[in-house]
Every structure is written in structure tokens, then in C-alpha cells.
Amino acid sequence: MFKKRYASRKIRGKLKVCRYLSANKRLKRHVPYTASFSRANLERMIKRYGMLYVKPDVGSRGIGVYKLRRTKAGYDLYEIVRKKQLRRRFRSLTSVYNRLRKAKTGRLIIQRGISLDKVNGRSYDIRAMVQRKPRGSWVCTGLIVKAGARGRIVTNYYQGGTVYAMEKLGRLRRWSPSRTKGRVRKLTQTALRISRALSGRQSGMHEMGIDFAFDRRQRLWVLEVNSNHPQFHPLKRLNRRAYDKMMRFAASYGRHNAK
């Protein structure tokens, strides 16, 4: 039996995606400053922001992500090893740099750290799934809230996170129904702008998983855009109707699973 080829192209590399989005006047304000990993960039950015994330330029599921925080005594470096989070303390930035350089297995990037909004004491972000309609335009087919395990540096489902629907997030945060709807509208509109901007740079794209976050001042940020088989199967138990719609769209361009 003939199996349709998976036909959604991708943009490889988080740094490239950040540069494309930062070149867009309407989207630039949502993008945390991001640079390639180097000693000079590490020194400059930790001095300016006080908190950074160092992560693989190509990667997913929260693997290989580090959080660096400047303290009065030096620097705290957090990392996840075999699903356990470790904290290492360093007195000098040179020691931090050497640790990261030794541990890296591929190209790294440095990103400004964002103090995320919290729900029940847990940081969260929101995955927007955007897909092309069969032979049509981009549409946001679903939103998934990902709340990280308490104290974790990532919110990823595979690192102990919990998934919610937006309606549940609104209830837990004690937002009014109109405020929750306003958040959904803003996320959807921004996700569609991102999909149009990136697909204008790379032809043949049919799906993206866009990770958004609100900071503690409620400013909206784009943390990451995944165009390489973005995961949405956790939505299956939250909203089966939305999940089935995503699967129909995915099948139209040759994707037959969400895992």
C-alpha cells in the first residue's frame, strides 16, 4: 500500500528562527535576545540579564538545557541529568564556561532568561499548534498549557510537567472568562503571524509548535518554535476534538502520528 511522504519542511536551528522573527517589526518584541554560545556572549549577557538559558541549537524535550543565574557568591548552574535536576555552584564565570564547553555535544545558543508567570507555584508555558489547512491557509488548531514540575528549569511534559487546557489555566489563575478568551485570542493571532513570517522564509512548511510564555509582568514571549515533528499527542486526553482535527490536517501532508 502506498504511504504518502511526510511533506512538511522545517527550519533547522533555534538561532536561525530567532533571527528571522527578530527581523519582523511586529514580532521582534516577543523574542528574547538570543546569541551563539561563546565566552564573550556569555560574559556580556549574564552581566546584562542576570539569568540565562543555554540550550542546544537543535534539540527538544528539554534535553541538554541549562539555566545560569548570577548570585552574590558567584553563579548557580542548573542542569537536568537523567531526569534529575542538579545545581552546581561556581565562583567564576570561567569555570561555568569551561563546564558548558566540556559538556556540550553540539552547537549551543544562549538566551535571555525570562521569569515566567506561575500557576500553583509552578512555571508554565503554552504550546500553540499551527497547521496549514489542506490546500489552504495557516490555522491555530490547538493550545496546550505545560506546567513544569515544581522547581524545575523546564516545563516539558517529558521532564515531569503537567498539561492543562487554557480554560483550566484560567480557572487556576482566577482569570475572568473574558480575560482567558483574550489570552487565547492574543496567542492565536501571534502564532499565525509567526507561521506566516517563517513560512515566508522557508517554503513547504505545513506545521509548527510554538512555545509561548507570559512573564510575571504578563508580557508575552516566544520561547521556541519547533517545526520538526512538533509533539501534540498530550492534547488527546485534554481535547479529543482538537486532537482529531490536528491529526486530519497532519494526514493531509503525510504525517500519521503525533509521537
Protein backbone atom coordinates (compact mmCIF):
# COMPACT_ATOMS: atom_id res chain seq x y z
CA MET A 1 0.00 0.00 0.00
CA PHE A 2 1.35 3.41 -0.97
CA LYS A 3 2.28 5.58 2.00
CA LYS A 4 2.19 9.32 1.45
CA ARG A 5 5.50 11.03 2.07
CA TYR A 6 5.79 13.35 5.06
CA ALA A 7 5.91 16.69 3.30
CA SER A 8 6.34 19.48 5.87
CA ARG A 9 9.71 21.21 5.61
CA LYS A 10 11.46 22.67 8.65
CA ILE A 11 13.81 25.47 9.69
CA ARG A 12 16.81 23.90 11.35
CA GLY A 13 18.23 25.73 14.35
CA LYS A 14 16.73 27.86 17.13
CA LEU A 15 19.15 30.72 16.49
CA LYS A 16 18.08 31.00 12.86
CA VAL A 17 14.41 31.07 13.90
CA CYS A 18 15.10 33.84 16.44
CA ARG A 19 16.90 35.89 13.80
CA TYR A 20 14.05 35.50 11.32
CA LEU A 21 11.47 36.56 13.93
CA SER A 22 13.61 39.45 15.19
CA ALA A 23 13.73 40.81 11.64
CA ASN A 24 9.93 41.21 11.74
CA LYS A 25 8.89 44.54 13.27
CA ARG A 26 5.67 43.18 14.80
CA LEU A 27 7.28 40.07 16.27
CA LYS A 28 10.65 41.35 17.43
CA ARG A 29 9.37 42.50 20.84
CA HIS A 30 8.26 38.94 21.66
CA VAL A 31 11.68 37.34 21.07
CA PRO A 32 14.15 37.04 23.99
CA TYR A 33 17.64 38.14 22.98
CA THR A 34 19.48 35.06 21.69
CA ALA A 35 23.10 34.58 20.60
CA SER A 36 25.52 31.82 19.70
CA PHE A 37 27.48 30.23 22.54
CA SER A 38 30.83 31.88 23.18
CA ARG A 39 32.72 33.14 26.19
CA ALA A 40 32.26 36.76 25.13
CA ASN A 41 28.49 36.36 24.68
CA LEU A 42 28.18 34.52 27.99
CA GLU A 43 30.00 37.30 29.87
CA ARG A 44 28.09 40.09 28.16
CA MET A 45 24.65 38.55 28.56
CA ILE A 46 24.94 37.35 32.19
CA LYS A 47 26.12 40.83 33.13
CA ARG A 48 23.12 42.42 31.42
CA TYR A 49 20.32 39.98 32.30
CA GLY A 50 21.45 38.12 35.43
CA MET A 51 19.73 34.92 34.26
CA LEU A 52 20.28 32.94 31.07
CA TYR A 53 19.32 29.71 29.41
CA VAL A 54 21.92 27.76 27.48
CA LYS A 55 20.42 25.14 25.20
CA PRO A 56 21.16 23.06 22.09
CA ASP A 57 20.56 24.90 18.84
CA VAL A 58 18.88 21.73 17.62
CA GLY A 59 17.04 19.69 20.25
CA SER A 60 13.77 19.01 22.02
CA ARG A 61 12.09 17.53 25.12
CA GLY A 62 14.14 19.72 27.48
CA ILE A 63 17.27 17.63 26.93
CA GLY A 64 20.61 19.42 27.31
CA VAL A 65 19.11 22.65 28.71
CA TYR A 66 20.99 24.68 31.34
CA LYS A 67 19.88 27.63 33.46
CA LEU A 68 22.52 30.06 34.69
CA ARG A 69 21.86 32.57 37.45
CA ARG A 70 24.24 35.21 38.82
CA THR A 71 24.37 35.31 42.63
CA LYS A 72 26.23 37.35 45.23
CA ALA A 73 28.62 34.43 45.75
CA GLY A 74 29.16 33.68 42.05
CA TYR A 75 27.00 31.62 39.71
CA ASP A 76 24.46 28.81 40.00
CA LEU A 77 24.20 26.44 37.04
CA TYR A 78 21.17 24.15 36.85
CA GLU A 79 21.00 21.15 34.55
CA ILE A 80 18.91 18.02 34.09
CA VAL A 81 20.74 14.69 34.12
CA ARG A 82 18.69 11.51 33.60
CA LYS A 83 15.50 13.39 34.55
CA LYS A 84 17.11 14.66 37.78
CA GLN A 85 17.82 18.37 38.21
CA LEU A 86 21.24 19.26 39.59
CA ARG A 87 22.61 22.57 40.82
CA ARG A 88 26.30 23.33 40.59
CA ARG A 89 27.85 26.42 42.17
CA PHE A 90 30.79 28.25 40.64
CA ARG A 91 32.79 31.21 41.85
CA SER A 92 33.94 32.34 38.43
CA LEU A 93 32.32 32.62 35.02
CA THR A 94 35.41 31.00 33.53
CA SER A 95 34.55 27.81 35.44
CA VAL A 96 30.96 27.98 34.17
CA TYR A 97 32.14 28.42 30.59
CA ASN A 98 34.56 25.53 30.85
CA ARG A 99 31.83 23.29 32.28
CA LEU A 100 29.43 24.11 29.45
CA ARG A 101 32.08 23.76 26.77
CA LYS A 102 33.13 20.37 28.14
CA ALA A 103 29.56 19.07 28.45
CA LYS A 104 28.20 20.21 25.10
CA THR A 105 27.60 17.62 22.40
CA GLY A 106 26.59 20.01 19.64
CA ARG A 107 26.10 23.67 18.88
CA LEU A 108 24.71 25.71 21.80
CA ILE A 109 22.87 29.01 21.99
CA ILE A 110 22.45 31.47 24.85
CA GLN A 111 19.06 33.04 25.51
CA ARG A 112 17.94 35.74 27.87
CA GLY A 113 16.21 34.17 30.87
CA ILE A 114 12.55 35.04 31.37
CA SER A 115 10.93 34.95 34.83
CA LEU A 116 7.82 33.02 33.87
CA ASP A 117 4.34 33.50 35.25
CA LYS A 118 3.34 30.70 37.62
CA VAL A 119 0.30 28.60 38.40
CA ASN A 120 0.15 26.93 41.82
CA GLY A 121 3.82 27.80 42.28
CA ARG A 122 4.86 26.15 39.01
CA SER A 123 6.22 27.93 35.94
CA TYR A 124 4.26 27.31 32.76
CA ASP A 125 4.35 27.96 29.05
CA ILE A 126 1.82 27.40 26.29
CA ARG A 127 2.27 25.37 23.12
CA ALA A 128 0.33 26.67 20.12
CA MET A 129 -0.02 24.16 17.32
CA VAL A 130 -0.37 25.79 13.90
CA GLN A 131 -1.02 23.87 10.71
CA ARG A 132 -1.98 24.52 7.14
CA LYS A 133 -5.46 23.58 6.09
CA PRO A 134 -5.47 21.02 3.29
CA ARG A 135 -4.56 23.17 0.26
CA GLY A 136 -5.21 26.26 2.35
CA SER A 137 -4.02 28.87 4.85
CA TRP A 138 -2.49 28.62 8.33
CA VAL A 139 -4.78 27.97 11.29
CA CYS A 140 -4.13 27.52 15.01
CA THR A 141 -5.53 24.07 15.73
CA GLY A 142 -4.91 23.91 19.48
CA LEU A 143 -3.31 25.31 22.65
CA ILE A 144 -1.69 23.20 25.37
CA VAL A 145 -0.56 24.61 28.72
CA LYS A 146 2.59 22.94 30.10
CA ALA A 147 3.25 23.46 33.81
CA GLY A 148 6.68 22.31 34.92
CA ALA A 149 7.35 20.16 37.94
CA ARG A 150 7.88 22.37 40.99
CA GLY A 151 11.32 23.98 40.91
CA ARG A 152 12.26 22.56 37.50
CA ILE A 153 14.07 24.68 34.93
CA VAL A 154 11.94 23.34 32.05
CA THR A 155 8.19 22.84 31.65
CA ASN A 156 8.48 19.91 29.26
CA TYR A 157 5.95 17.10 29.59
CA TYR A 158 8.77 14.55 29.29
CA GLN A 159 10.58 16.11 32.26
CA GLY A 160 7.73 15.73 34.73
CA GLY A 161 5.48 18.54 33.53
CA THR A 162 1.68 18.57 33.60
CA VAL A 163 -0.59 19.61 30.73
CA TYR A 164 -3.74 21.71 31.01
CA ALA A 165 -6.33 23.19 28.72
CA MET A 166 -6.43 27.00 28.57
CA GLU A 167 -9.81 27.00 30.34
CA LYS A 168 -8.32 25.19 33.33
CA LEU A 169 -5.36 27.58 33.42
CA GLY A 170 -7.82 30.47 33.54
CA ARG A 171 -9.64 28.93 36.48
CA LEU A 172 -6.43 28.16 38.38
CA ARG A 173 -5.15 31.71 37.79
CA ARG A 174 -8.57 33.11 38.71
CA TRP A 175 -8.92 34.97 35.45
CA SER A 176 -12.36 36.03 34.31
CA PRO A 177 -13.74 34.10 31.30
CA SER A 178 -13.29 37.21 29.15
CA ARG A 179 -9.64 37.53 30.19
CA THR A 180 -8.99 33.88 29.34
CA LYS A 181 -10.64 34.37 25.95
CA GLY A 182 -8.48 37.45 25.43
CA ARG A 183 -5.34 35.40 26.14
CA VAL A 184 -6.47 32.74 23.66
CA ARG A 185 -7.12 35.40 21.04
CA LYS A 186 -3.71 37.03 21.55
CA LEU A 187 -1.86 33.71 21.43
CA THR A 188 -3.72 32.65 18.30
CA GLN A 189 -3.10 35.93 16.47
CA THR A 190 0.60 35.95 17.35
CA ALA A 191 1.01 32.28 16.40
CA LEU A 192 -0.48 32.95 12.98
CA ARG A 193 1.83 35.94 12.45
CA ILE A 194 4.79 33.72 13.32
CA SER A 195 3.68 30.96 10.97
CA ARG A 196 3.29 33.40 8.10
CA ALA A 197 6.64 35.07 8.82
CA LEU A 198 8.59 31.81 8.99
CA SER A 199 6.86 30.11 6.06
CA GLY A 200 7.78 33.20 4.05
CA ARG A 201 11.41 32.32 4.76
CA GLN A 202 11.08 28.58 4.13
CA SER A 203 8.71 27.18 1.56
CA GLY A 204 6.92 23.88 2.04
CA MET A 205 6.15 24.27 5.75
CA HIS A 206 2.86 22.80 6.98
CA GLU A 207 3.13 22.68 10.79
CA MET A 208 4.81 24.37 13.75
CA GLY A 209 4.69 24.00 17.51
CA ILE A 210 5.20 27.46 19.02
CA ASP A 211 6.05 27.72 22.73
CA PHE A 212 4.82 30.95 24.30
CA ALA A 213 5.18 32.24 27.85
CA PHE A 214 3.89 35.18 29.85
CA ASP A 215 6.38 36.67 32.27
CA ARG A 216 5.49 37.89 35.75
CA ARG A 217 4.51 41.25 34.31
CA GLN A 218 2.25 39.46 31.78
CA ARG A 219 4.39 40.32 28.77
CA LEU A 220 4.17 37.70 26.02
CA TRP A 221 7.35 35.96 24.81
CA VAL A 222 8.16 33.35 22.17
CA LEU A 223 10.48 30.81 23.77
CA GLU A 224 10.85 28.41 20.87
CA VAL A 225 9.42 27.34 17.53
CA ASN A 226 9.60 23.66 16.64
CA SER A 227 8.98 22.79 13.00
CA ASN A 228 10.47 19.29 13.23
CA HIS A 229 7.56 16.94 14.05
CA PRO A 230 6.17 19.11 16.91
CA GLN A 231 4.52 16.98 19.58
CA PHE A 232 0.83 17.35 20.33
CA HIS A 233 -0.30 13.92 21.48
CA PRO A 234 -0.79 15.09 25.14
CA LEU A 235 -3.80 17.02 23.80
CA LYS A 236 -5.51 13.68 23.06
CA ARG A 237 -6.77 13.35 26.62
CA LEU A 238 -7.48 17.07 27.08
CA ASN A 239 -9.48 17.85 23.96
CA ARG A 240 -10.14 14.88 21.70
CA ARG A 241 -11.97 17.00 19.15
CA ALA A 242 -8.99 19.35 18.71
CA TYR A 243 -6.60 16.40 18.62
CA ASP A 244 -8.60 14.65 15.90
CA LYS A 245 -8.62 17.87 13.87
CA MET A 246 -4.84 18.13 14.17
CA MET A 247 -4.49 14.53 13.02
CA ARG A 248 -6.71 15.14 9.98
CA PHE A 249 -4.63 18.13 8.98
CA ALA A 250 -1.41 16.20 9.62
CA ALA A 251 -2.58 13.28 7.47
CA SER A 252 -3.21 15.70 4.60
CA TYR A 253 0.53 16.41 4.39
CA GLY A 254 1.68 12.88 5.14
CA ARG A 255 2.13 12.76 8.91
CA HIS A 256 0.38 9.82 10.52
CA ASN A 257 1.35 10.01 14.19
CA ALA A 258 1.84 12.68 16.85
CA LYS A 259 4.53 10.97 18.92
